[in-house]
Amino acid sequence: MWNEAAEKKRGLGGKEEAKKFVACANSYLGIMKHYDTYILRKKISRSFGGEILKSVVFSKNFEKAILAG
């Protein structure tokens, strides 16, 4: 969904869209960190392509998404 939005808008569409993405990602990552899901979190965080990765960074252990800059 987010990758499709990035392709259509050539970016996340601004700060508000980026904030929504971070909130959604952190919701899922918060649940997954309680289980043995490090490899899955790593794969998911790296599956976001292009423009999304320019706006969002992930913590070292892939437990949290952070809005860049």
PDB file of N, CA and C in Angstrom:
ATOM      1  N   MET A   1       0.818  -1.189   0.000  1.00  0.00           N
ATOM      2  CA  MET A   1       0.000   0.000   0.000  1.00  0.00           C
ATOM      3  C   MET A   1       0.868   1.262   0.000  1.00  0.00           C
ATOM      4  N   TRP A   2       1.830   1.335   0.918  1.00  0.00           N
ATOM      5  CA  TRP A   2       2.669   2.525   1.000  1.00  0.00           C
ATOM      6  C   TRP A   2       3.577   2.642  -0.218  1.00  0.00           C
ATOM      7  N   ASN A   3       4.072   1.520  -0.714  1.00  0.00           N
ATOM      8  CA  ASN A   3       4.910   1.569  -1.912  1.00  0.00           C
ATOM      9  C   ASN A   3       4.106   2.076  -3.102  1.00  0.00           C
ATOM     10  N   GLU A   4       2.849   1.653  -3.216  1.00  0.00           N
ATOM     11  CA  GLU A   4       1.999   2.120  -4.300  1.00  0.00           C
ATOM     12  C   GLU A   4       1.761   3.617  -4.198  1.00  0.00           C
ATOM     13  N   ALA A   5       1.530   4.105  -2.983  1.00  0.00           N
ATOM     14  CA  ALA A   5       1.313   5.541  -2.788  1.00  0.00           C
ATOM     15  C   ALA A   5       2.563   6.318  -3.161  1.00  0.00           C
ATOM     16  N   ALA A   6       3.716   5.775  -2.814  1.00  0.00           N
ATOM     17  CA  ALA A   6       4.978   6.446  -3.136  1.00  0.00           C
ATOM     18  C   ALA A   6       5.174   6.511  -4.642  1.00  0.00           C
ATOM     19  N   GLU A   7       4.819   5.440  -5.350  1.00  0.00           N
ATOM     20  CA  GLU A   7       4.971   5.421  -6.798  1.00  0.00           C
ATOM     21  C   GLU A   7       4.031   6.426  -7.458  1.00  0.00           C
ATOM     22  N   LYS A   8       2.803   6.503  -6.980  1.00  0.00           N
ATOM     23  CA  LYS A   8       1.826   7.405  -7.578  1.00  0.00           C
ATOM     24  C   LYS A   8       2.189   8.866  -7.325  1.00  0.00           C
ATOM     25  N   LYS A   9       2.636   9.159  -6.111  1.00  0.00           N
ATOM     26  CA  LYS A   9       2.909  10.537  -5.738  1.00  0.00           C
ATOM     27  C   LYS A   9       4.382  10.907  -5.881  1.00  0.00           C
ATOM     28  N   ARG A  10       5.209   9.923  -6.216  1.00  0.00           N
ATOM     29  CA  ARG A  10       6.661  10.131  -6.271  1.00  0.00           C
ATOM     30  C   ARG A  10       7.175  10.659  -4.942  1.00  0.00           C
ATOM     31  N   GLY A  11       6.781  10.020  -3.911  1.00  0.00           N
ATOM     32  CA  GLY A  11       7.145  10.398  -2.554  1.00  0.00           C
ATOM     33  C   GLY A  11       5.990  10.063  -1.641  1.00  0.00           C
ATOM     34  N   LEU A  12       6.138  10.303  -0.390  1.00  0.00           N
ATOM     35  CA  LEU A  12       5.071  10.003   0.551  1.00  0.00           C
ATOM     36  C   LEU A  12       3.971  11.069   0.548  1.00  0.00           C
ATOM     37  N   GLY A  13       4.157  12.125  -0.188  1.00  0.00           N
ATOM     38  CA  GLY A  13       3.112  13.139  -0.246  1.00  0.00           C
ATOM     39  C   GLY A  13       3.210  14.141   0.877  1.00  0.00           C
ATOM     40  N   GLY A  14       4.330  14.241   1.520  1.00  0.00           N
ATOM     41  CA  GLY A  14       4.506  15.240   2.557  1.00  0.00           C
ATOM     42  C   GLY A  14       4.655  14.650   3.941  1.00  0.00           C
ATOM     43  N   LYS A  15       4.788  15.565   4.878  1.00  0.00           N
ATOM     44  CA  LYS A  15       5.041  15.167   6.261  1.00  0.00           C
ATOM     45  C   LYS A  15       3.889  14.370   6.878  1.00  0.00           C
ATOM     46  N   GLU A  16       2.674  14.749   6.563  1.00  0.00           N
ATOM     47  CA  GLU A  16       1.520  14.064   7.156  1.00  0.00           C
ATOM     48  C   GLU A  16       1.467  12.597   6.744  1.00  0.00           C
ATOM     49  N   GLU A  17       1.712  12.327   5.466  1.00  0.00           N
ATOM     50  CA  GLU A  17       1.733  10.939   4.995  1.00  0.00           C
ATOM     51  C   GLU A  17       2.868  10.160   5.641  1.00  0.00           C
ATOM     52  N   ALA A  18       4.019  10.797   5.791  1.00  0.00           N
ATOM     53  CA  ALA A  18       5.163  10.148   6.426  1.00  0.00           C
ATOM     54  C   ALA A  18       4.852   9.841   7.889  1.00  0.00           C
ATOM     55  N   LYS A  19       4.193  10.760   8.572  1.00  0.00           N
ATOM     56  CA  LYS A  19       3.817  10.544   9.975  1.00  0.00           C
ATOM     57  C   LYS A  19       2.846   9.366  10.090  1.00  0.00           C
ATOM     58  N   LYS A  20       1.900   9.272   9.162  1.00  0.00           N
ATOM     59  CA  LYS A  20       0.939   8.162   9.170  1.00  0.00           C
ATOM     60  C   LYS A  20       1.649   6.835   8.954  1.00  0.00           C
ATOM     61  N   PHE A  21       2.610   6.829   8.027  1.00  0.00           N
ATOM     62  CA  PHE A  21       3.366   5.612   7.768  1.00  0.00           C
ATOM     63  C   PHE A  21       4.132   5.176   9.003  1.00  0.00           C
ATOM     64  N   VAL A  22       4.822   6.114   9.664  1.00  0.00           N
ATOM     65  CA  VAL A  22       5.611   5.802  10.852  1.00  0.00           C
ATOM     66  C   VAL A  22       4.700   5.259  11.963  1.00  0.00           C
ATOM     67  N   ALA A  23       3.545   5.866  12.150  1.00  0.00           N
ATOM     68  CA  ALA A  23       2.609   5.399  13.176  1.00  0.00           C
ATOM     69  C   ALA A  23       2.139   3.977  12.889  1.00  0.00           C
ATOM     70  N   CYS A  24       1.809   3.706  11.638  1.00  0.00           N
ATOM     71  CA  CYS A  24       1.353   2.375  11.248  1.00  0.00           C
ATOM     72  C   CYS A  24       2.472   1.346  11.420  1.00  0.00           C
ATOM     73  N   ALA A  25       3.667   1.681  10.931  1.00  0.00           N
ATOM     74  CA  ALA A  25       4.807   0.762  11.031  1.00  0.00           C
ATOM     75  C   ALA A  25       5.130   0.476  12.495  1.00  0.00           C
ATOM     76  N   ASN A  26       5.123   1.501  13.340  1.00  0.00           N
ATOM     77  CA  ASN A  26       5.453   1.301  14.749  1.00  0.00           C
ATOM     78  C   ASN A  26       4.415   0.468  15.480  1.00  0.00           C
ATOM     79  N   SER A  27       3.186   0.540  15.039  1.00  0.00           N
ATOM     80  CA  SER A  27       2.152  -0.302  15.626  1.00  0.00           C
ATOM     81  C   SER A  27       2.467  -1.776  15.398  1.00  0.00           C
ATOM     82  N   TYR A  28       2.785  -2.111  14.158  1.00  0.00           N
ATOM     83  CA  TYR A  28       3.124  -3.496  13.842  1.00  0.00           C
ATOM     84  C   TYR A  28       4.441  -3.918  14.484  1.00  0.00           C
ATOM     85  N   LEU A  29       5.443  -3.062  14.416  1.00  0.00           N
ATOM     86  CA  LEU A  29       6.745  -3.404  14.987  1.00  0.00           C
ATOM     87  C   LEU A  29       6.653  -3.578  16.507  1.00  0.00           C
ATOM     88  N   GLY A  30       5.812  -2.777  17.150  1.00  0.00           N
ATOM     89  CA  GLY A  30       5.628  -2.887  18.598  1.00  0.00           C
ATOM     90  C   GLY A  30       5.074  -4.236  19.011  1.00  0.00           C
ATOM     91  N   ILE A  31       4.164  -4.761  18.228  1.00  0.00           N
ATOM     92  CA  ILE A  31       3.604  -6.082  18.525  1.00  0.00           C
ATOM     93  C   ILE A  31       4.640  -7.168  18.237  1.00  0.00           C
ATOM     94  N   MET A  32       5.297  -7.043  17.090  1.00  0.00           N
ATOM     95  CA  MET A  32       6.224  -8.095  16.674  1.00  0.00           C
ATOM     96  C   MET A  32       7.464  -8.201  17.550  1.00  0.00           C
ATOM     97  N   LYS A  33       7.872  -7.106  18.205  1.00  0.00           N
ATOM     98  CA  LYS A  33       9.099  -7.166  18.998  1.00  0.00           C
ATOM     99  C   LYS A  33       8.960  -8.074  20.215  1.00  0.00           C
ATOM    100  N   HIS A  34       7.748  -8.425  20.592  1.00  0.00           N
ATOM    101  CA  HIS A  34       7.522  -9.308  21.737  1.00  0.00           C
ATOM    102  C   HIS A  34       7.689 -10.785  21.381  1.00  0.00           C
ATOM    103  N   TYR A  35       7.941 -11.058  20.124  1.00  0.00           N
ATOM    104  CA  TYR A  35       8.083 -12.434  19.650  1.00  0.00           C
ATOM    105  C   TYR A  35       9.410 -12.585  18.916  1.00  0.00           C
ATOM    106  N   ASP A  36       9.746 -13.783  18.543  1.00  0.00           N
ATOM    107  CA  ASP A  36      11.004 -14.059  17.860  1.00  0.00           C
ATOM    108  C   ASP A  36      10.860 -13.708  16.378  1.00  0.00           C
ATOM    109  N   THR A  37      10.872 -12.391  16.091  1.00  0.00           N
ATOM    110  CA  THR A  37      10.586 -11.927  14.736  1.00  0.00           C
ATOM    111  C   THR A  37      11.654 -10.997  14.180  1.00  0.00           C
ATOM    112  N   TYR A  38      12.864 -11.035  14.704  1.00  0.00           N
ATOM    113  CA  TYR A  38      13.905 -10.119  14.245  1.00  0.00           C
ATOM    114  C   TYR A  38      14.110 -10.213  12.729  1.00  0.00           C
ATOM    115  N   ILE A  39      14.251 -11.420  12.218  1.00  0.00           N
ATOM    116  CA  ILE A  39      14.498 -11.595  10.781  1.00  0.00           C
ATOM    117  C   ILE A  39      13.307 -11.074   9.969  1.00  0.00           C
ATOM    118  N   LEU A  40      12.098 -11.337  10.422  1.00  0.00           N
ATOM    119  CA  LEU A  40      10.903 -10.848   9.729  1.00  0.00           C
ATOM    120  C   LEU A  40      10.857  -9.327   9.751  1.00  0.00           C
ATOM    121  N   ARG A  41      11.118  -8.705  10.916  1.00  0.00           N
ATOM    122  CA  ARG A  41      11.122  -7.238  11.003  1.00  0.00           C
ATOM    123  C   ARG A  41      12.178  -6.648  10.076  1.00  0.00           C
ATOM    124  N   LYS A  42      13.326  -7.295  10.005  1.00  0.00           N
ATOM    125  CA  LYS A  42      14.410  -6.822   9.141  1.00  0.00           C
ATOM    126  C   LYS A  42      13.991  -6.889   7.672  1.00  0.00           C
ATOM    127  N   LYS A  43      13.386  -7.997   7.264  1.00  0.00           N
ATOM    128  CA  LYS A  43      12.932  -8.153   5.879  1.00  0.00           C
ATOM    129  C   LYS A  43      11.845  -7.136   5.532  1.00  0.00           C
ATOM    130  N   ILE A  44      10.906  -6.948   6.437  1.00  0.00           N
ATOM    131  CA  ILE A  44       9.815  -6.012   6.191  1.00  0.00           C
ATOM    132  C   ILE A  44      10.352  -4.596   6.063  1.00  0.00           C
ATOM    133  N   SER A  45      11.233  -4.201   6.967  1.00  0.00           N
ATOM    134  CA  SER A  45      11.747  -2.831   6.924  1.00  0.00           C
ATOM    135  C   SER A  45      12.563  -2.572   5.669  1.00  0.00           C
ATOM    136  N   ARG A  46      13.197  -3.584   5.140  1.00  0.00           N
ATOM    137  CA  ARG A  46      13.989  -3.419   3.917  1.00  0.00           C
ATOM    138  C   ARG A  46      13.146  -3.579   2.652  1.00  0.00           C
ATOM    139  N   SER A  47      11.906  -4.023   2.797  1.00  0.00           N
ATOM    140  CA  SER A  47      11.059  -4.218   1.616  1.00  0.00           C
ATOM    141  C   SER A  47      10.459  -2.912   1.116  1.00  0.00           C
ATOM    142  N   PHE A  48      10.483  -1.867   1.953  1.00  0.00           N
ATOM    143  CA  PHE A  48       9.975  -0.579   1.510  1.00  0.00           C
ATOM    144  C   PHE A  48      10.995   0.041   0.586  1.00  0.00           C
ATOM    145  N   GLY A  49      10.564   0.408  -0.588  1.00  0.00           N
ATOM    146  CA  GLY A  49      11.504   0.871  -1.595  1.00  0.00           C
ATOM    147  C   GLY A  49      11.599   2.368  -1.713  1.00  0.00           C
ATOM    148  N   GLY A  50      12.594   2.771  -2.407  1.00  0.00           N
ATOM    149  CA  GLY A  50      12.812   4.120  -2.882  1.00  0.00           C
ATOM    150  C   GLY A  50      12.494   5.269  -1.955  1.00  0.00           C
ATOM    151  N   GLU A  51      11.430   5.982  -2.274  1.00  0.00           N
ATOM    152  CA  GLU A  51      11.095   7.223  -1.596  1.00  0.00           C
ATOM    153  C   GLU A  51      10.797   7.030  -0.118  1.00  0.00           C
ATOM    154  N   ILE A  52      10.202   5.917   0.234  1.00  0.00           N
ATOM    155  CA  ILE A  52       9.872   5.691   1.641  1.00  0.00           C
ATOM    156  C   ILE A  52      11.145   5.618   2.475  1.00  0.00           C
ATOM    157  N   LEU A  53      12.146   4.939   1.980  1.00  0.00           N
ATOM    158  CA  LEU A  53      13.389   4.829   2.741  1.00  0.00           C
ATOM    159  C   LEU A  53      14.110   6.159   2.882  1.00  0.00           C
ATOM    160  N   LYS A  54      13.815   7.123   2.041  1.00  0.00           N
ATOM    161  CA  LYS A  54      14.414   8.447   2.169  1.00  0.00           C
ATOM    162  C   LYS A  54      13.766   9.233   3.307  1.00  0.00           C
ATOM    163  N   SER A  55      12.534   8.910   3.655  1.00  0.00           N
ATOM    164  CA  SER A  55      11.790   9.646   4.670  1.00  0.00           C
ATOM    165  C   SER A  55      11.795   8.974   6.035  1.00  0.00           C
ATOM    166  N   VAL A  56      12.070   7.684   6.065  1.00  0.00           N
ATOM    167  CA  VAL A  56      11.952   6.916   7.304  1.00  0.00           C
ATOM    168  C   VAL A  56      13.212   6.089   7.527  1.00  0.00           C
ATOM    169  N   VAL A  57      13.664   6.044   8.774  1.00  0.00           N
ATOM    170  CA  VAL A  57      14.768   5.165   9.152  1.00  0.00           C
ATOM    171  C   VAL A  57      14.261   4.222  10.236  1.00  0.00           C
ATOM    172  N   PHE A  58      14.922   3.086  10.352  1.00  0.00           N
ATOM    173  CA  PHE A  58      14.541   2.103  11.356  1.00  0.00           C
ATOM    174  C   PHE A  58      15.650   1.985  12.387  1.00  0.00           C
ATOM    175  N   SER A  59      15.263   1.696  13.632  1.00  0.00           N
ATOM    176  CA  SER A  59      16.256   1.524  14.687  1.00  0.00           C
ATOM    177  C   SER A  59      17.141   0.323  14.362  1.00  0.00           C
ATOM    178  N   LYS A  60      18.275   0.251  15.035  1.00  0.00           N
ATOM    179  CA  LYS A  60      19.263  -0.792  14.757  1.00  0.00           C
ATOM    180  C   LYS A  60      18.680  -2.199  14.861  1.00  0.00           C
ATOM    181  N   ASN A  61      17.793  -2.410  15.802  1.00  0.00           N
ATOM    182  CA  ASN A  61      17.206  -3.733  16.012  1.00  0.00           C
ATOM    183  C   ASN A  61      15.844  -3.884  15.325  1.00  0.00           C
ATOM    184  N   PHE A  62      15.486  -2.925  14.482  1.00  0.00           N
ATOM    185  CA  PHE A  62      14.232  -2.953  13.715  1.00  0.00           C
ATOM    186  C   PHE A  62      12.997  -3.033  14.601  1.00  0.00           C
ATOM    187  N   GLU A  63      13.039  -2.353  15.745  1.00  0.00           N
ATOM    188  CA  GLU A  63      11.893  -2.315  16.647  1.00  0.00           C
ATOM    189  C   GLU A  63      11.099  -1.027  16.513  1.00  0.00           C
ATOM    190  N   LYS A  64      11.642  -0.038  15.788  1.00  0.00           N
ATOM    191  CA  LYS A  64      10.963   1.246  15.706  1.00  0.00           C
ATOM    192  C   LYS A  64      11.302   1.954  14.408  1.00  0.00           C
ATOM    193  N   ALA A  65      10.291   2.570  13.806  1.00  0.00           N
ATOM    194  CA  ALA A  65      10.487   3.422  12.634  1.00  0.00           C
ATOM    195  C   ALA A  65      10.555   4.860  13.114  1.00  0.00           C
ATOM    196  N   ILE A  66      11.451   5.643  12.504  1.00  0.00           N
ATOM    197  CA  ILE A  66      11.661   7.028  12.930  1.00  0.00           C
ATOM    198  C   ILE A  66      11.619   7.914  11.689  1.00  0.00           C
ATOM    199  N   LEU A  67      10.914   9.021  11.802  1.00  0.00           N
ATOM    200  CA  LEU A  67      10.829   9.978  10.720  1.00  0.00           C
ATOM    201  C   LEU A  67      12.175  10.685  10.570  1.00  0.00           C
ATOM    202  N   ALA A  68      12.761  10.605   9.393  1.00  0.00           N
ATOM    203  CA  ALA A  68      14.076  11.216   9.161  1.00  0.00           C
ATOM    204  C   ALA A  68      13.935  12.720   8.962  1.00  0.00           C
ATOM    205  N   GLY A  69      14.870  13.453   9.532  1.00  0.00           N
ATOM    206  CA  GLY A  69      14.982  14.902   9.338  1.00  0.00           C
ATOM    207  C   GLY A  69      13.771  15.620   9.650  1.00  0.00           C
TER     208      GLY A  69
END
